[in-house]
Amino acid sequence: MLRTLKYLRSSCGEFMKAHQTLRRTLQSLLWLPLGITFVEYFYTLKSIRGRSMQPTLNPDSSSWRDVVLFDRFAIRILRKYERGDIVALQSPTDSKLVVKRIVALQGDMVKTLPPYPDVEIRVPQGHAWVEGDEAFHSEDSNTFGPVPLALIESKLSFVVWPLARYGPIRKPSSPNPNDPRDPAWRIKKAAVEREQWRNSRITIAQ
């Protein structure tokens, strides 16, 4: 009789443990659709590869790849496209995800760079002209032309890693002329000049 009671108690304990494990598993599965929806339509984190967006992303001064917050809500829900935004889009040539800056939107006139065949182009309706910040290491609209807005899947808004560069992604700003002319000062100055040169090639539609 005593042996039977011990067996029943042991069996009951094992059943409760299995039940708790099953309950935790089911609870996790209930959260899974919410997690998928959050990543698909709101935010996700990804590391940046390549040099095409230097020095804004993956600068030579850093030994780490940037990990950046990708804002899908601004694009997929709000449909908010602005000149100067850094975005992730599917390349029209091979469908890979690439990171570029929106330089011009529909109706804008762009003075192109080689190897684009035309010296100047008006961005068609429903399209954007995208370029890398480092023109000599970027395959962008100067190669494949204007891209449909439907190919843009998210906006890059915040550097999460490395911690030394933690913070929102901002447009280049002029360095203080009174600061020491060290390498960091020269990098900021070059970034501003690069943006001014890029903007000088764009005539915004009225």
C-alpha atoms as a PDB file:
ATOM      1  CA  MET A   1       0.000   0.000   0.000  1.00  0.00           C
ATOM      2  CA  LEU A   2       2.789   2.388   0.962  1.00  0.00           C
ATOM      3  CA  ARG A   3       4.645   1.539  -2.239  1.00  0.00           C
ATOM      4  CA  THR A   4       1.496   2.278  -4.253  1.00  0.00           C
ATOM      5  CA  LEU A   5       1.093   5.686  -2.596  1.00  0.00           C
ATOM      6  CA  LYS A   6       4.729   6.577  -3.343  1.00  0.00           C
ATOM      7  CA  TYR A   7       4.249   5.537  -6.953  1.00  0.00           C
ATOM      8  CA  LEU A   8       1.090   7.643  -7.281  1.00  0.00           C
ATOM      9  CA  ARG A   9       2.821  10.636  -5.691  1.00  0.00           C
ATOM     10  CA  SER A  10       5.807  10.257  -8.036  1.00  0.00           C
ATOM     11  CA  SER A  11       3.545   9.908 -11.073  1.00  0.00           C
ATOM     12  CA  CYS A  12       1.534  12.941 -10.022  1.00  0.00           C
ATOM     13  CA  GLY A  13       4.718  15.005  -9.620  1.00  0.00           C
ATOM     14  CA  GLU A  14       5.982  13.993 -13.044  1.00  0.00           C
ATOM     15  CA  PHE A  15       2.602  14.832 -14.562  1.00  0.00           C
ATOM     16  CA  MET A  16       2.622  18.293 -12.955  1.00  0.00           C
ATOM     17  CA  LYS A  17       6.156  18.965 -14.217  1.00  0.00           C
ATOM     18  CA  ALA A  18       5.185  17.876 -17.719  1.00  0.00           C
ATOM     19  CA  HIS A  19       2.027  19.980 -17.495  1.00  0.00           C
ATOM     20  CA  GLN A  20       4.023  23.067 -16.452  1.00  0.00           C
ATOM     21  CA  THR A  21       6.495  22.527 -19.293  1.00  0.00           C
ATOM     22  CA  LEU A  22       3.629  22.161 -21.751  1.00  0.00           C
ATOM     23  CA  ARG A  23       1.965  25.293 -20.387  1.00  0.00           C
ATOM     24  CA  ARG A  24       5.180  27.325 -20.729  1.00  0.00           C
ATOM     25  CA  THR A  25       5.623  26.024 -24.277  1.00  0.00           C
ATOM     26  CA  LEU A  26       2.056  26.970 -25.202  1.00  0.00           C
ATOM     27  CA  GLN A  27       2.496  30.416 -23.645  1.00  0.00           C
ATOM     28  CA  SER A  28       5.647  30.936 -25.708  1.00  0.00           C
ATOM     29  CA  LEU A  29       3.824  29.862 -28.857  1.00  0.00           C
ATOM     30  CA  LEU A  30       1.042  32.344 -28.111  1.00  0.00           C
ATOM     31  CA  TRP A  31       3.635  35.154 -28.095  1.00  0.00           C
ATOM     32  CA  LEU A  32       5.249  33.969 -31.339  1.00  0.00           C
ATOM     33  CA  PRO A  33       2.758  35.628 -33.758  1.00  0.00           C
ATOM     34  CA  LEU A  34       3.101  38.899 -31.842  1.00  0.00           C
ATOM     35  CA  GLY A  35       6.891  38.717 -32.102  1.00  0.00           C
ATOM     36  CA  ILE A  36       6.744  37.972 -35.830  1.00  0.00           C
ATOM     37  CA  THR A  37       4.326  40.873 -36.370  1.00  0.00           C
ATOM     38  CA  PHE A  38       6.573  43.229 -34.376  1.00  0.00           C
ATOM     39  CA  VAL A  39       9.646  42.341 -36.436  1.00  0.00           C
ATOM     40  CA  GLU A  40       7.737  42.407 -39.739  1.00  0.00           C
ATOM     41  CA  TYR A  41       5.924  45.726 -39.292  1.00  0.00           C
ATOM     42  CA  PHE A  42       7.664  47.671 -36.528  1.00  0.00           C
ATOM     43  CA  TYR A  43      11.344  47.321 -35.571  1.00  0.00           C
ATOM     44  CA  THR A  44      14.267  44.944 -35.887  1.00  0.00           C
ATOM     45  CA  LEU A  45      18.039  45.029 -35.319  1.00  0.00           C
ATOM     46  CA  LYS A  46      20.591  44.206 -38.007  1.00  0.00           C
ATOM     47  CA  SER A  47      24.319  44.595 -38.510  1.00  0.00           C
ATOM     48  CA  ILE A  48      25.634  46.677 -41.405  1.00  0.00           C
ATOM     49  CA  ARG A  49      28.101  45.261 -43.910  1.00  0.00           C
ATOM     50  CA  GLY A  50      30.295  47.027 -46.405  1.00  0.00           C
ATOM     51  CA  ARG A  51      31.690  50.519 -46.884  1.00  0.00           C
ATOM     52  CA  SER A  52      29.082  52.196 -49.074  1.00  0.00           C
ATOM     53  CA  MET A  53      27.645  54.299 -46.220  1.00  0.00           C
ATOM     54  CA  GLN A  54      30.933  55.432 -44.685  1.00  0.00           C
ATOM     55  CA  PRO A  55      31.546  57.501 -42.654  1.00  0.00           C
ATOM     56  CA  THR A  56      27.915  57.588 -41.468  1.00  0.00           C
ATOM     57  CA  LEU A  57      27.904  53.819 -40.869  1.00  0.00           C
ATOM     58  CA  ASN A  58      30.836  51.449 -40.337  1.00  0.00           C
ATOM     59  CA  PRO A  59      33.428  54.257 -40.184  1.00  0.00           C
ATOM     60  CA  ASP A  60      37.088  53.306 -40.473  1.00  0.00           C
ATOM     61  CA  SER A  61      37.587  54.648 -36.936  1.00  0.00           C
ATOM     62  CA  SER A  62      35.535  51.726 -35.563  1.00  0.00           C
ATOM     63  CA  SER A  63      36.704  48.110 -35.408  1.00  0.00           C
ATOM     64  CA  TRP A  64      33.108  46.866 -35.063  1.00  0.00           C
ATOM     65  CA  ARG A  65      30.268  46.508 -37.528  1.00  0.00           C
ATOM     66  CA  ASP A  66      27.443  48.882 -36.710  1.00  0.00           C
ATOM     67  CA  VAL A  67      24.268  47.303 -35.343  1.00  0.00           C
ATOM     68  CA  VAL A  68      21.343  49.531 -36.266  1.00  0.00           C
ATOM     69  CA  LEU A  69      17.632  49.769 -35.481  1.00  0.00           C
ATOM     70  CA  PHE A  70      15.567  49.271 -38.649  1.00  0.00           C
ATOM     71  CA  ASP A  71      12.255  51.168 -38.453  1.00  0.00           C
ATOM     72  CA  ARG A  72       9.729  49.334 -40.629  1.00  0.00           C
ATOM     73  CA  PHE A  73       6.722  51.160 -39.168  1.00  0.00           C
ATOM     74  CA  ALA A  74       7.750  54.469 -40.803  1.00  0.00           C
ATOM     75  CA  ILE A  75       7.870  52.816 -44.228  1.00  0.00           C
ATOM     76  CA  ARG A  76       5.335  49.977 -44.236  1.00  0.00           C
ATOM     77  CA  ILE A  77       2.608  51.709 -42.227  1.00  0.00           C
ATOM     78  CA  LEU A  78       3.215  55.471 -42.450  1.00  0.00           C
ATOM     79  CA  ARG A  79       4.692  55.360 -45.998  1.00  0.00           C
ATOM     80  CA  LYS A  80       7.018  58.178 -44.964  1.00  0.00           C
ATOM     81  CA  TYR A  81       9.838  58.831 -47.445  1.00  0.00           C
ATOM     82  CA  GLU A  82      12.112  61.841 -46.990  1.00  0.00           C
ATOM     83  CA  ARG A  83      15.213  63.084 -48.769  1.00  0.00           C
ATOM     84  CA  GLY A  84      18.269  62.391 -46.657  1.00  0.00           C
ATOM     85  CA  ASP A  85      16.832  59.294 -44.959  1.00  0.00           C
ATOM     86  CA  ILE A  86      19.014  56.201 -44.825  1.00  0.00           C
ATOM     87  CA  VAL A  87      16.897  53.228 -45.866  1.00  0.00           C
ATOM     88  CA  ALA A  88      17.129  49.499 -46.453  1.00  0.00           C
ATOM     89  CA  LEU A  89      15.775  48.273 -49.770  1.00  0.00           C
ATOM     90  CA  GLN A  90      15.827  45.283 -52.048  1.00  0.00           C
ATOM     91  CA  SER A  91      18.363  45.775 -54.806  1.00  0.00           C
ATOM     92  CA  PRO A  92      16.571  45.794 -58.180  1.00  0.00           C
ATOM     93  CA  THR A  93      19.459  43.804 -59.671  1.00  0.00           C
ATOM     94  CA  ASP A  94      19.646  40.784 -57.343  1.00  0.00           C
ATOM     95  CA  SER A  95      16.986  41.317 -54.601  1.00  0.00           C
ATOM     96  CA  LYS A  96      19.637  41.508 -51.859  1.00  0.00           C
ATOM     97  CA  LEU A  97      18.983  43.931 -49.009  1.00  0.00           C
ATOM     98  CA  VAL A  98      21.146  47.043 -49.409  1.00  0.00           C
ATOM     99  CA  VAL A  99      21.451  50.228 -47.356  1.00  0.00           C
ATOM    100  CA  LYS A 100      21.471  53.594 -49.154  1.00  0.00           C
ATOM    101  CA  ARG A 101      20.427  57.206 -48.679  1.00  0.00           C
ATOM    102  CA  ILE A 102      17.367  58.703 -50.382  1.00  0.00           C
ATOM    103  CA  VAL A 103      18.793  61.551 -52.453  1.00  0.00           C
ATOM    104  CA  ALA A 104      15.764  62.506 -54.557  1.00  0.00           C
ATOM    105  CA  LEU A 105      12.058  61.712 -54.826  1.00  0.00           C
ATOM    106  CA  GLN A 106       9.530  61.738 -57.644  1.00  0.00           C
ATOM    107  CA  GLY A 107       9.687  64.835 -59.832  1.00  0.00           C
ATOM    108  CA  ASP A 108      13.191  65.835 -58.700  1.00  0.00           C
ATOM    109  CA  MET A 109      15.931  66.345 -61.288  1.00  0.00           C
ATOM    110  CA  VAL A 110      19.212  64.523 -60.606  1.00  0.00           C
ATOM    111  CA  LYS A 111      22.609  65.170 -62.166  1.00  0.00           C
ATOM    112  CA  THR A 112      23.833  61.604 -62.327  1.00  0.00           C
ATOM    113  CA  LEU A 113      27.272  60.057 -61.910  1.00  0.00           C
ATOM    114  CA  PRO A 114      28.997  57.399 -64.035  1.00  0.00           C
ATOM    115  CA  PRO A 115      28.170  54.737 -65.072  1.00  0.00           C
ATOM    116  CA  TYR A 116      24.592  56.017 -65.489  1.00  0.00           C
ATOM    117  CA  PRO A 117      24.057  56.594 -69.240  1.00  0.00           C
ATOM    118  CA  ASP A 118      22.153  59.908 -68.972  1.00  0.00           C
ATOM    119  CA  VAL A 119      23.706  63.099 -67.616  1.00  0.00           C
ATOM    120  CA  GLU A 120      20.440  64.128 -65.979  1.00  0.00           C
ATOM    121  CA  ILE A 121      17.185  62.368 -65.118  1.00  0.00           C
ATOM    122  CA  ARG A 122      13.820  63.252 -63.625  1.00  0.00           C
ATOM    123  CA  VAL A 123      12.781  60.741 -60.956  1.00  0.00           C
ATOM    124  CA  PRO A 124       9.561  59.013 -62.106  1.00  0.00           C
ATOM    125  CA  GLN A 125       6.392  58.943 -60.028  1.00  0.00           C
ATOM    126  CA  GLY A 126       6.472  56.346 -57.258  1.00  0.00           C
ATOM    127  CA  HIS A 127      10.278  56.095 -57.354  1.00  0.00           C
ATOM    128  CA  ALA A 128      13.304  57.368 -55.439  1.00  0.00           C
ATOM    129  CA  TRP A 129      16.929  57.990 -56.324  1.00  0.00           C
ATOM    130  CA  VAL A 130      19.272  56.370 -53.776  1.00  0.00           C
ATOM    131  CA  GLU A 131      23.027  56.636 -53.325  1.00  0.00           C
ATOM    132  CA  GLY A 132      25.709  55.501 -50.914  1.00  0.00           C
ATOM    133  CA  ASP A 133      27.545  58.124 -48.882  1.00  0.00           C
ATOM    134  CA  GLU A 134      30.850  56.706 -50.154  1.00  0.00           C
ATOM    135  CA  ALA A 135      30.353  57.078 -53.896  1.00  0.00           C
ATOM    136  CA  PHE A 136      33.480  55.111 -54.858  1.00  0.00           C
ATOM    137  CA  HIS A 137      32.316  52.000 -52.975  1.00  0.00           C
ATOM    138  CA  SER A 138      28.611  52.034 -53.758  1.00  0.00           C
ATOM    139  CA  GLU A 139      26.396  50.320 -56.290  1.00  0.00           C
ATOM    140  CA  ASP A 140      23.307  52.510 -56.277  1.00  0.00           C
ATOM    141  CA  SER A 141      20.914  54.413 -58.550  1.00  0.00           C
ATOM    142  CA  ASN A 142      23.866  55.578 -60.632  1.00  0.00           C
ATOM    143  CA  THR A 143      24.148  51.912 -61.610  1.00  0.00           C
ATOM    144  CA  PHE A 144      20.571  50.605 -61.583  1.00  0.00           C
ATOM    145  CA  GLY A 145      18.541  53.822 -61.902  1.00  0.00           C
ATOM    146  CA  PRO A 146      15.548  55.052 -59.882  1.00  0.00           C
ATOM    147  CA  VAL A 147      14.039  52.434 -57.567  1.00  0.00           C
ATOM    148  CA  PRO A 148      10.317  51.833 -56.926  1.00  0.00           C
ATOM    149  CA  LEU A 149       9.267  52.938 -53.450  1.00  0.00           C
ATOM    150  CA  ALA A 150       7.805  49.448 -53.002  1.00  0.00           C
ATOM    151  CA  LEU A 151      11.363  48.068 -52.785  1.00  0.00           C
ATOM    152  CA  ILE A 152      12.127  50.190 -49.699  1.00  0.00           C
ATOM    153  CA  GLU A 153      11.402  48.136 -46.594  1.00  0.00           C
ATOM    154  CA  SER A 154      12.676  50.145 -43.617  1.00  0.00           C
ATOM    155  CA  LYS A 155      14.374  53.300 -42.393  1.00  0.00           C
ATOM    156  CA  LEU A 156      17.560  53.189 -40.312  1.00  0.00           C
ATOM    157  CA  SER A 157      17.087  55.355 -37.252  1.00  0.00           C
ATOM    158  CA  PHE A 158      19.432  54.430 -34.383  1.00  0.00           C
ATOM    159  CA  VAL A 159      22.921  52.981 -33.880  1.00  0.00           C
ATOM    160  CA  VAL A 160      22.785  50.424 -31.064  1.00  0.00           C
ATOM    161  CA  TRP A 161      26.357  49.102 -31.280  1.00  0.00           C
ATOM    162  CA  PRO A 162      29.190  49.918 -30.755  1.00  0.00           C
ATOM    163  CA  LEU A 163      28.393  51.795 -27.557  1.00  0.00           C
ATOM    164  CA  ALA A 164      30.861  54.552 -28.445  1.00  0.00           C
ATOM    165  CA  ARG A 165      28.543  55.522 -31.316  1.00  0.00           C
ATOM    166  CA  TYR A 166      25.244  54.750 -29.551  1.00  0.00           C
ATOM    167  CA  GLY A 167      22.524  57.194 -30.543  1.00  0.00           C
ATOM    168  CA  PRO A 168      20.191  58.390 -33.314  1.00  0.00           C
ATOM    169  CA  ILE A 169      21.464  58.620 -36.881  1.00  0.00           C
ATOM    170  CA  ARG A 170      21.720  62.302 -37.718  1.00  0.00           C
ATOM    171  CA  LYS A 171      22.533  64.215 -40.858  1.00  0.00           C
ATOM    172  CA  PRO A 172      26.116  65.531 -41.061  1.00  0.00           C
ATOM    173  CA  SER A 173      26.697  68.745 -39.130  1.00  0.00           C
ATOM    174  CA  SER A 174      29.558  71.215 -39.462  1.00  0.00           C
ATOM    175  CA  PRO A 175      32.306  70.798 -36.858  1.00  0.00           C
ATOM    176  CA  ASN A 176      33.110  73.654 -34.513  1.00  0.00           C
ATOM    177  CA  PRO A 177      35.797  75.768 -36.233  1.00  0.00           C
ATOM    178  CA  ASN A 178      37.428  76.340 -32.833  1.00  0.00           C
ATOM    179  CA  ASP A 179      37.887  72.619 -32.152  1.00  0.00           C
ATOM    180  CA  PRO A 180      41.284  70.971 -32.763  1.00  0.00           C
ATOM    181  CA  ARG A 181      41.777  69.950 -36.401  1.00  0.00           C
ATOM    182  CA  ASP A 182      42.202  66.280 -35.505  1.00  0.00           C
ATOM    183  CA  PRO A 183      41.116  63.288 -37.678  1.00  0.00           C
ATOM    184  CA  ALA A 184      37.597  63.309 -36.165  1.00  0.00           C
ATOM    185  CA  TRP A 185      37.197  67.003 -37.064  1.00  0.00           C
ATOM    186  CA  ARG A 186      38.336  66.367 -40.640  1.00  0.00           C
ATOM    187  CA  ILE A 187      35.950  63.404 -41.014  1.00  0.00           C
ATOM    188  CA  LYS A 188      32.987  65.559 -39.926  1.00  0.00           C
ATOM    189  CA  LYS A 189      34.078  68.337 -42.270  1.00  0.00           C
ATOM    190  CA  ALA A 190      34.398  65.919 -45.204  1.00  0.00           C
ATOM    191  CA  ALA A 191      30.943  64.461 -44.479  1.00  0.00           C
ATOM    192  CA  VAL A 192      29.363  67.927 -44.592  1.00  0.00           C
ATOM    193  CA  GLU A 193      31.144  68.790 -47.839  1.00  0.00           C
ATOM    194  CA  ARG A 194      30.054  65.477 -49.348  1.00  0.00           C
ATOM    195  CA  GLU A 195      26.418  66.191 -48.462  1.00  0.00           C
ATOM    196  CA  GLN A 196      26.627  69.714 -49.895  1.00  0.00           C
ATOM    197  CA  TRP A 197      28.075  68.336 -53.127  1.00  0.00           C
ATOM    198  CA  ARG A 198      25.342  65.683 -53.302  1.00  0.00           C
ATOM    199  CA  ASN A 199      22.582  68.245 -52.702  1.00  0.00           C
ATOM    200  CA  SER A 200      24.038  70.527 -55.391  1.00  0.00           C
ATOM    201  CA  ARG A 201      23.249  67.815 -57.952  1.00  0.00           C
ATOM    202  CA  ILE A 202      19.539  67.764 -57.053  1.00  0.00           C
ATOM    203  CA  THR A 203      16.843  70.165 -58.229  1.00  0.00           C
ATOM    204  CA  ILE A 204      13.829  69.578 -55.995  1.00  0.00           C
ATOM    205  CA  ALA A 205      10.429  69.461 -57.685  1.00  0.00           C
ATOM    206  CA  GLN A 206       8.174  72.421 -56.928  1.00  0.00           C
END
